[in-house]
């Protein structure tokens, strides 16, 4: 399960989605625009959580400063062959 914890940058996301809600409310009504904005909020949060999880899996223990490859068992497979 993805953790959708609140972060400081979410304030900017909420402010932007409120502006989107106000922008589409004359065309759809306030209830539908609120539903769309809430859906966008959770959609963006889930997308960011999945992206962060994939980055964490790719990085693993870290990245070698010499060649940029993934560190496995605290050694770089390219630089620490000896």
PDB file of N, CA and C in Angstrom:
ATOM      1  N   UNK A   1       0.844  -1.181   0.000  1.00  0.00           N
ATOM      2  CA  UNK A   1       0.000   0.000   0.000  1.00  0.00           C
ATOM      3  C   UNK A   1       0.886   1.240   0.000  1.00  0.00           C
ATOM      4  N   UNK A   2       0.431   2.246  -0.657  1.00  0.00           N
ATOM      5  CA  UNK A   2       1.193   3.482  -0.761  1.00  0.00           C
ATOM      6  C   UNK A   2       0.840   4.404   0.397  1.00  0.00           C
ATOM      7  N   UNK A   3       1.861   5.031   0.941  1.00  0.00           N
ATOM      8  CA  UNK A   3       1.628   6.014   1.993  1.00  0.00           C
ATOM      9  C   UNK A   3       1.378   7.364   1.351  1.00  0.00           C
ATOM     10  N   UNK A   4       0.239   7.943   1.634  1.00  0.00           N
ATOM     11  CA  UNK A   4      -0.092   9.246   1.086  1.00  0.00           C
ATOM     12  C   UNK A   4      -0.008  10.295   2.188  1.00  0.00           C
ATOM     13  N   UNK A   5       1.139  10.351   2.843  1.00  0.00           N
ATOM     14  CA  UNK A   5       1.281  11.297   3.941  1.00  0.00           C
ATOM     15  C   UNK A   5       1.381  12.720   3.404  1.00  0.00           C
ATOM     16  N   UNK A   6       0.917  13.644   4.200  1.00  0.00           N
ATOM     17  CA  UNK A   6       0.877  15.047   3.820  1.00  0.00           C
ATOM     18  C   UNK A   6       2.262  15.657   3.948  1.00  0.00           C
ATOM     19  N   UNK A   7       2.687  16.370   2.914  1.00  0.00           N
ATOM     20  CA  UNK A   7       3.977  17.048   2.903  1.00  0.00           C
ATOM     21  C   UNK A   7       3.752  18.529   2.668  1.00  0.00           C
ATOM     22  N   UNK A   8       4.772  19.315   2.893  1.00  0.00           N
ATOM     23  CA  UNK A   8       4.638  20.767   2.756  1.00  0.00           C
ATOM     24  C   UNK A   8       4.315  21.176   1.326  1.00  0.00           C
ATOM     25  N   UNK A   9       4.839  20.465   0.356  1.00  0.00           N
ATOM     26  CA  UNK A   9       4.583  20.846  -1.030  1.00  0.00           C
ATOM     27  C   UNK A   9       3.155  20.529  -1.464  1.00  0.00           C
ATOM     28  N   UNK A  10       2.424  19.779  -0.654  1.00  0.00           N
ATOM     29  CA  UNK A  10       1.034  19.500  -0.973  1.00  0.00           C
ATOM     30  C   UNK A  10       0.163  20.746  -0.861  1.00  0.00           C
ATOM     31  N   UNK A  11       0.619  21.743  -0.116  1.00  0.00           N
ATOM     32  CA  UNK A  11      -0.127  22.999  -0.026  1.00  0.00           C
ATOM     33  C   UNK A  11      -0.211  23.653  -1.400  1.00  0.00           C
ATOM     34  N   UNK A  12       0.879  23.597  -2.154  1.00  0.00           N
ATOM     35  CA  UNK A  12       0.893  24.160  -3.512  1.00  0.00           C
ATOM     36  C   UNK A  12      -0.043  23.358  -4.408  1.00  0.00           C
ATOM     37  N   UNK A  13      -0.031  22.045  -4.264  1.00  0.00           N
ATOM     38  CA  UNK A  13      -0.920  21.194  -5.052  1.00  0.00           C
ATOM     39  C   UNK A  13      -2.378  21.503  -4.737  1.00  0.00           C
ATOM     40  N   UNK A  14      -2.700  21.656  -3.466  1.00  0.00           N
ATOM     41  CA  UNK A  14      -4.080  21.959  -3.071  1.00  0.00           C
ATOM     42  C   UNK A  14      -4.495  23.327  -3.602  1.00  0.00           C
ATOM     43  N   UNK A  15      -3.605  24.311  -3.511  1.00  0.00           N
ATOM     44  CA  UNK A  15      -3.922  25.648  -4.022  1.00  0.00           C
ATOM     45  C   UNK A  15      -4.170  25.610  -5.527  1.00  0.00           C
ATOM     46  N   UNK A  16      -3.348  24.875  -6.242  1.00  0.00           N
ATOM     47  CA  UNK A  16      -3.543  24.751  -7.690  1.00  0.00           C
ATOM     48  C   UNK A  16      -4.837  24.043  -8.037  1.00  0.00           C
ATOM     49  N   UNK A  17      -5.170  23.015  -7.281  1.00  0.00           N
ATOM     50  CA  UNK A  17      -6.406  22.296  -7.560  1.00  0.00           C
ATOM     51  C   UNK A  17      -7.646  23.103  -7.183  1.00  0.00           C
ATOM     52  N   UNK A  18      -7.528  23.972  -6.185  1.00  0.00           N
ATOM     53  CA  UNK A  18      -8.643  24.874  -5.875  1.00  0.00           C
ATOM     54  C   UNK A  18      -8.863  25.837  -7.031  1.00  0.00           C
ATOM     55  N   UNK A  19      -7.775  26.327  -7.610  1.00  0.00           N
ATOM     56  CA  UNK A  19      -7.905  27.211  -8.769  1.00  0.00           C
ATOM     57  C   UNK A  19      -8.495  26.474  -9.969  1.00  0.00           C
ATOM     58  N   UNK A  20      -8.109  25.216 -10.159  1.00  0.00           N
ATOM     59  CA  UNK A  20      -8.707  24.410 -11.238  1.00  0.00           C
ATOM     60  C   UNK A  20     -10.190  24.219 -10.975  1.00  0.00           C
ATOM     61  N   UNK A  21     -10.539  23.946  -9.719  1.00  0.00           N
ATOM     62  CA  UNK A  21     -11.940  23.755  -9.360  1.00  0.00           C
ATOM     63  C   UNK A  21     -12.747  25.021  -9.640  1.00  0.00           C
ATOM     64  N   UNK A  22     -12.191  26.165  -9.276  1.00  0.00           N
ATOM     65  CA  UNK A  22     -12.893  27.423  -9.543  1.00  0.00           C
ATOM     66  C   UNK A  22     -12.985  27.709 -11.041  1.00  0.00           C
ATOM     67  N   UNK A  23     -11.978  27.285 -11.774  1.00  0.00           N
ATOM     68  CA  UNK A  23     -11.979  27.528 -13.218  1.00  0.00           C
ATOM     69  C   UNK A  23     -12.991  26.694 -13.974  1.00  0.00           C
ATOM     70  N   UNK A  24     -13.223  25.456 -13.536  1.00  0.00           N
ATOM     71  CA  UNK A  24     -14.169  24.607 -14.266  1.00  0.00           C
ATOM     72  C   UNK A  24     -15.566  24.619 -13.654  1.00  0.00           C
ATOM     73  N   UNK A  25     -15.738  25.279 -12.517  1.00  0.00           N
ATOM     74  CA  UNK A  25     -17.053  25.300 -11.873  1.00  0.00           C
ATOM     75  C   UNK A  25     -18.128  26.019 -12.685  1.00  0.00           C
ATOM     76  N   UNK A  26     -17.838  27.066 -13.462  1.00  0.00           N
ATOM     77  CA  UNK A  26     -18.916  27.656 -14.277  1.00  0.00           C
ATOM     78  C   UNK A  26     -19.442  26.715 -15.361  1.00  0.00           C
ATOM     79  N   UNK A  27     -18.628  25.777 -15.772  1.00  0.00           N
ATOM     80  CA  UNK A  27     -19.032  24.882 -16.847  1.00  0.00           C
ATOM     81  C   UNK A  27     -19.693  23.605 -16.339  1.00  0.00           C
ATOM     82  N   UNK A  28     -19.279  23.116 -15.183  1.00  0.00           N
ATOM     83  CA  UNK A  28     -19.774  21.838 -14.679  1.00  0.00           C
ATOM     84  C   UNK A  28     -20.576  21.943 -13.394  1.00  0.00           C
ATOM     85  N   UNK A  29     -20.447  23.003 -12.681  1.00  0.00           N
ATOM     86  CA  UNK A  29     -21.069  23.107 -11.372  1.00  0.00           C
ATOM     87  C   UNK A  29     -20.042  22.813 -10.296  1.00  0.00           C
ATOM     88  N   UNK A  30     -20.315  23.319  -9.103  1.00  0.00           N
ATOM     89  CA  UNK A  30     -19.328  23.230  -8.031  1.00  0.00           C
ATOM     90  C   UNK A  30     -19.148  21.806  -7.528  1.00  0.00           C
ATOM     91  N   UNK A  31     -20.210  21.012  -7.517  1.00  0.00           N
ATOM     92  CA  UNK A  31     -20.100  19.645  -6.999  1.00  0.00           C
ATOM     93  C   UNK A  31     -19.238  18.783  -7.913  1.00  0.00           C
ATOM     94  N   UNK A  32     -19.485  18.845  -9.216  1.00  0.00           N
ATOM     95  CA  UNK A  32     -18.694  18.045 -10.152  1.00  0.00           C
ATOM     96  C   UNK A  32     -17.237  18.512 -10.203  1.00  0.00           C
ATOM     97  N   UNK A  33     -17.024  19.818 -10.137  1.00  0.00           N
ATOM     98  CA  UNK A  33     -15.653  20.313 -10.175  1.00  0.00           C
ATOM     99  C   UNK A  33     -14.898  19.931  -8.895  1.00  0.00           C
ATOM    100  N   UNK A  34     -15.596  19.866  -7.752  1.00  0.00           N
ATOM    101  CA  UNK A  34     -14.954  19.426  -6.513  1.00  0.00           C
ATOM    102  C   UNK A  34     -14.582  17.954  -6.604  1.00  0.00           C
ATOM    103  N   UNK A  35     -15.460  17.139  -7.168  1.00  0.00           N
ATOM    104  CA  UNK A  35     -15.170  15.704  -7.333  1.00  0.00           C
ATOM    105  C   UNK A  35     -13.973  15.506  -8.252  1.00  0.00           C
ATOM    106  N   UNK A  36     -13.912  16.274  -9.334  1.00  0.00           N
ATOM    107  CA  UNK A  36     -12.784  16.169 -10.271  1.00  0.00           C
ATOM    108  C   UNK A  36     -11.489  16.603  -9.588  1.00  0.00           C
ATOM    109  N   UNK A  37     -11.538  17.673  -8.819  1.00  0.00           N
ATOM    110  CA  UNK A  37     -10.331  18.158  -8.122  1.00  0.00           C
ATOM    111  C   UNK A  37      -9.846  17.158  -7.080  1.00  0.00           C
ATOM    112  N   UNK A  38     -10.756  16.554  -6.344  1.00  0.00           N
ATOM    113  CA  UNK A  38     -10.365  15.543  -5.360  1.00  0.00           C
ATOM    114  C   UNK A  38      -9.755  14.329  -6.057  1.00  0.00           C
ATOM    115  N   UNK A  39     -10.349  13.929  -7.169  1.00  0.00           N
ATOM    116  CA  UNK A  39      -9.789  12.820  -7.948  1.00  0.00           C
ATOM    117  C   UNK A  39      -8.405  13.138  -8.476  1.00  0.00           C
ATOM    118  N   UNK A  40      -8.215  14.363  -8.950  1.00  0.00           N
ATOM    119  CA  UNK A  40      -6.888  14.774  -9.415  1.00  0.00           C
ATOM    120  C   UNK A  40      -5.875  14.762  -8.285  1.00  0.00           C
ATOM    121  N   UNK A  41      -6.272  15.213  -7.096  1.00  0.00           N
ATOM    122  CA  UNK A  41      -5.363  15.233  -5.955  1.00  0.00           C
ATOM    123  C   UNK A  41      -4.863  13.830  -5.637  1.00  0.00           C
ATOM    124  N   UNK A  42      -5.802  12.886  -5.488  1.00  0.00           N
ATOM    125  CA  UNK A  42      -5.374  11.533  -5.144  1.00  0.00           C
ATOM    126  C   UNK A  42      -4.655  10.852  -6.309  1.00  0.00           C
ATOM    127  N   UNK A  43      -5.021  11.170  -7.531  1.00  0.00           N
ATOM    128  CA  UNK A  43      -4.311  10.620  -8.681  1.00  0.00           C
ATOM    129  C   UNK A  43      -2.867  11.070  -8.728  1.00  0.00           C
ATOM    130  N   UNK A  44      -2.646  12.363  -8.479  1.00  0.00           N
ATOM    131  CA  UNK A  44      -1.281  12.894  -8.463  1.00  0.00           C
ATOM    132  C   UNK A  44      -0.492  12.314  -7.298  1.00  0.00           C
ATOM    133  N   UNK A  45      -1.113  12.199  -6.119  1.00  0.00           N
ATOM    134  CA  UNK A  45      -0.418  11.644  -4.949  1.00  0.00           C
ATOM    135  C   UNK A  45      -0.019  10.185  -5.183  1.00  0.00           C
ATOM    136  N   UNK A  46      -0.904   9.392  -5.787  1.00  0.00           N
ATOM    137  CA  UNK A  46      -0.580   7.991  -6.054  1.00  0.00           C
ATOM    138  C   UNK A  46       0.518   7.884  -7.103  1.00  0.00           C
ATOM    139  N   UNK A  47       0.463   8.730  -8.138  1.00  0.00           N
ATOM    140  CA  UNK A  47       1.505   8.728  -9.170  1.00  0.00           C
ATOM    141  C   UNK A  47       2.866   9.051  -8.562  1.00  0.00           C
ATOM    142  N   UNK A  48       2.931  10.065  -7.708  1.00  0.00           N
ATOM    143  CA  UNK A  48       4.199  10.458  -7.084  1.00  0.00           C
ATOM    144  C   UNK A  48       4.703   9.362  -6.150  1.00  0.00           C
ATOM    145  N   UNK A  49       3.795   8.713  -5.422  1.00  0.00           N
ATOM    146  CA  UNK A  49       4.204   7.641  -4.509  1.00  0.00           C
ATOM    147  C   UNK A  49       4.789   6.464  -5.289  1.00  0.00           C
ATOM    148  N   UNK A  50       4.162   6.100  -6.406  1.00  0.00           N
ATOM    149  CA  UNK A  50       4.688   5.008  -7.230  1.00  0.00           C
ATOM    150  C   UNK A  50       6.035   5.377  -7.835  1.00  0.00           C
ATOM    151  N   UNK A  51       6.176   6.611  -8.271  1.00  0.00           N
ATOM    152  CA  UNK A  51       7.442   7.062  -8.860  1.00  0.00           C
ATOM    153  C   UNK A  51       8.557   7.047  -7.815  1.00  0.00           C
ATOM    154  N   UNK A  52       8.271   7.523  -6.599  1.00  0.00           N
ATOM    155  CA  UNK A  52       9.280   7.495  -5.536  1.00  0.00           C
ATOM    156  C   UNK A  52       9.659   6.076  -5.164  1.00  0.00           C
ATOM    157  N   UNK A  53       8.685   5.172  -5.149  1.00  0.00           N
ATOM    158  CA  UNK A  53       8.973   3.771  -4.823  1.00  0.00           C
ATOM    159  C   UNK A  53       9.861   3.142  -5.896  1.00  0.00           C
ATOM    160  N   UNK A  54       9.597   3.428  -7.167  1.00  0.00           N
ATOM    161  CA  UNK A  54      10.434   2.860  -8.225  1.00  0.00           C
ATOM    162  C   UNK A  54      11.848   3.429  -8.180  1.00  0.00           C
ATOM    163  N   UNK A  55      11.984   4.697  -7.819  1.00  0.00           N
ATOM    164  CA  UNK A  55      13.315   5.288  -7.687  1.00  0.00           C
ATOM    165  C   UNK A  55      14.071   4.637  -6.538  1.00  0.00           C
ATOM    166  N   UNK A  56      13.382   4.417  -5.396  1.00  0.00           N
ATOM    167  CA  UNK A  56      14.027   3.766  -4.253  1.00  0.00           C
ATOM    168  C   UNK A  56      14.472   2.352  -4.598  1.00  0.00           C
ATOM    169  N   UNK A  57      13.674   1.628  -5.381  1.00  0.00           N
ATOM    170  CA  UNK A  57      14.049   0.263  -5.779  1.00  0.00           C
ATOM    171  C   UNK A  57      15.231   0.275  -6.732  1.00  0.00           C
ATOM    172  N   UNK A  58      15.284   1.256  -7.638  1.00  0.00           N
ATOM    173  CA  UNK A  58      16.386   1.332  -8.599  1.00  0.00           C
ATOM    174  C   UNK A  58      17.697   1.708  -7.926  1.00  0.00           C
ATOM    175  N   UNK A  59      17.633   2.603  -6.965  1.00  0.00           N
ATOM    176  CA  UNK A  59      18.852   3.067  -6.309  1.00  0.00           C
ATOM    177  C   UNK A  59      19.398   2.000  -5.369  1.00  0.00           C
ATOM    178  N   UNK A  60      18.535   1.331  -4.625  1.00  0.00           N
ATOM    179  CA  UNK A  60      18.990   0.280  -3.712  1.00  0.00           C
ATOM    180  C   UNK A  60      19.837   0.838  -2.595  1.00  0.00           C
ATOM    181  N   UNK A  61      21.067   0.350  -2.472  1.00  0.00           N
ATOM    182  CA  UNK A  61      21.972   0.807  -1.418  1.00  0.00           C
ATOM    183  C   UNK A  61      22.620   2.136  -1.758  1.00  0.00           C
ATOM    184  N   UNK A  62      22.636   2.500  -3.005  1.00  0.00           N
ATOM    185  CA  UNK A  62      23.241   3.757  -3.421  1.00  0.00           C
ATOM    186  C   UNK A  62      23.781   3.669  -4.832  1.00  0.00           C
ATOM    187  N   UNK A  63      24.434   4.722  -5.252  1.00  0.00           N
ATOM    188  CA  UNK A  63      24.994   4.807  -6.597  1.00  0.00           C
ATOM    189  C   UNK A  63      26.478   5.120  -6.476  1.00  0.00           C
ATOM    190  N   UNK A  64      27.288   4.458  -7.282  1.00  0.00           N
ATOM    191  CA  UNK A  64      28.736   4.668  -7.278  1.00  0.00           C
ATOM    192  C   UNK A  64      29.052   6.072  -7.791  1.00  0.00           C
ATOM    193  N   UNK A  65      29.955   6.747  -7.093  1.00  0.00           N
ATOM    194  CA  UNK A  65      30.344   8.094  -7.493  1.00  0.00           C
ATOM    195  C   UNK A  65      31.273   8.099  -8.702  1.00  0.00           C
ATOM    196  N   UNK A  66      31.955   6.989  -8.953  1.00  0.00           N
ATOM    197  CA  UNK A  66      32.898   6.917 -10.073  1.00  0.00           C
ATOM    198  C   UNK A  66      32.193   6.658 -11.399  1.00  0.00           C
ATOM    199  N   UNK A  67      31.364   5.598 -11.432  1.00  0.00           N
ATOM    200  CA  UNK A  67      30.783   5.194 -12.714  1.00  0.00           C
ATOM    201  C   UNK A  67      29.262   5.347 -12.777  1.00  0.00           C
ATOM    202  N   UNK A  68      28.597   5.516 -11.633  1.00  0.00           N
ATOM    203  CA  UNK A  68      27.157   5.724 -11.620  1.00  0.00           C
ATOM    204  C   UNK A  68      26.323   4.460 -11.606  1.00  0.00           C
ATOM    205  N   UNK A  69      26.939   3.310 -11.400  1.00  0.00           N
ATOM    206  CA  UNK A  69      26.168   2.072 -11.365  1.00  0.00           C
ATOM    207  C   UNK A  69      25.637   1.815  -9.958  1.00  0.00           C
ATOM    208  N   UNK A  70      24.707   0.885  -9.856  1.00  0.00           N
ATOM    209  CA  UNK A  70      24.065   0.567  -8.588  1.00  0.00           C
ATOM    210  C   UNK A  70      25.020  -0.222  -7.693  1.00  0.00           C
ATOM    211  N   UNK A  71      25.098   0.149  -6.416  1.00  0.00           N
ATOM    212  CA  UNK A  71      25.963  -0.536  -5.461  1.00  0.00           C
ATOM    213  C   UNK A  71      25.243  -1.773  -4.944  1.00  0.00           C
ATOM    214  N   UNK A  72      25.947  -2.915  -4.996  1.00  0.00           N
ATOM    215  CA  UNK A  72      25.402  -4.186  -4.529  1.00  0.00           C
ATOM    216  C   UNK A  72      26.347  -4.740  -3.472  1.00  0.00           C
ATOM    217  N   UNK A  73      25.828  -5.103  -2.312  1.00  0.00           N
ATOM    218  CA  UNK A  73      26.613  -5.617  -1.179  1.00  0.00           C
ATOM    219  C   UNK A  73      27.743  -4.662  -0.799  1.00  0.00           C
ATOM    220  N   UNK A  74      27.450  -3.389  -0.774  1.00  0.00           N
ATOM    221  CA  UNK A  74      28.382  -2.318  -0.406  1.00  0.00           C
ATOM    222  C   UNK A  74      29.610  -2.257  -1.306  1.00  0.00           C
ATOM    223  N   UNK A  75      29.495  -2.760  -2.540  1.00  0.00           N
ATOM    224  CA  UNK A  75      30.586  -2.692  -3.514  1.00  0.00           C
ATOM    225  C   UNK A  75      30.017  -2.353  -4.880  1.00  0.00           C
ATOM    226  N   UNK A  76      30.788  -1.631  -5.646  1.00  0.00           N
ATOM    227  CA  UNK A  76      30.414  -1.326  -7.027  1.00  0.00           C
ATOM    228  C   UNK A  76      30.849  -2.505  -7.903  1.00  0.00           C
ATOM    229  N   UNK A  77      29.957  -3.061  -8.703  1.00  0.00           N
ATOM    230  CA  UNK A  77      30.348  -4.200  -9.539  1.00  0.00           C
ATOM    231  C   UNK A  77      31.351  -3.834 -10.632  1.00  0.00           C
ATOM    232  N   UNK A  78      31.440  -2.553 -11.021  1.00  0.00           N
ATOM    233  CA  UNK A  78      32.377  -2.143 -12.071  1.00  0.00           C
ATOM    234  C   UNK A  78      33.720  -1.687 -11.501  1.00  0.00           C
ATOM    235  N   UNK A  79      33.688  -0.926 -10.435  1.00  0.00           N
ATOM    236  CA  UNK A  79      34.929  -0.325  -9.909  1.00  0.00           C
ATOM    237  C   UNK A  79      35.654  -1.242  -8.914  1.00  0.00           C
ATOM    238  N   UNK A  80      34.944  -2.038  -8.137  1.00  0.00           N
ATOM    239  CA  UNK A  80      35.545  -2.856  -7.091  1.00  0.00           C
ATOM    240  C   UNK A  80      35.641  -4.322  -7.508  1.00  0.00           C
ATOM    241  N   UNK A  81      36.194  -4.582  -8.686  1.00  0.00           N
ATOM    242  CA  UNK A  81      36.290  -5.962  -9.168  1.00  0.00           C
ATOM    243  C   UNK A  81      37.384  -6.747  -8.467  1.00  0.00           C
ATOM    244  N   UNK A  82      38.292  -6.056  -7.828  1.00  0.00           N
ATOM    245  CA  UNK A  82      39.397  -6.780  -7.175  1.00  0.00           C
ATOM    246  C   UNK A  82      38.981  -7.370  -5.859  1.00  0.00           C
TER     247      UNK A  82
END
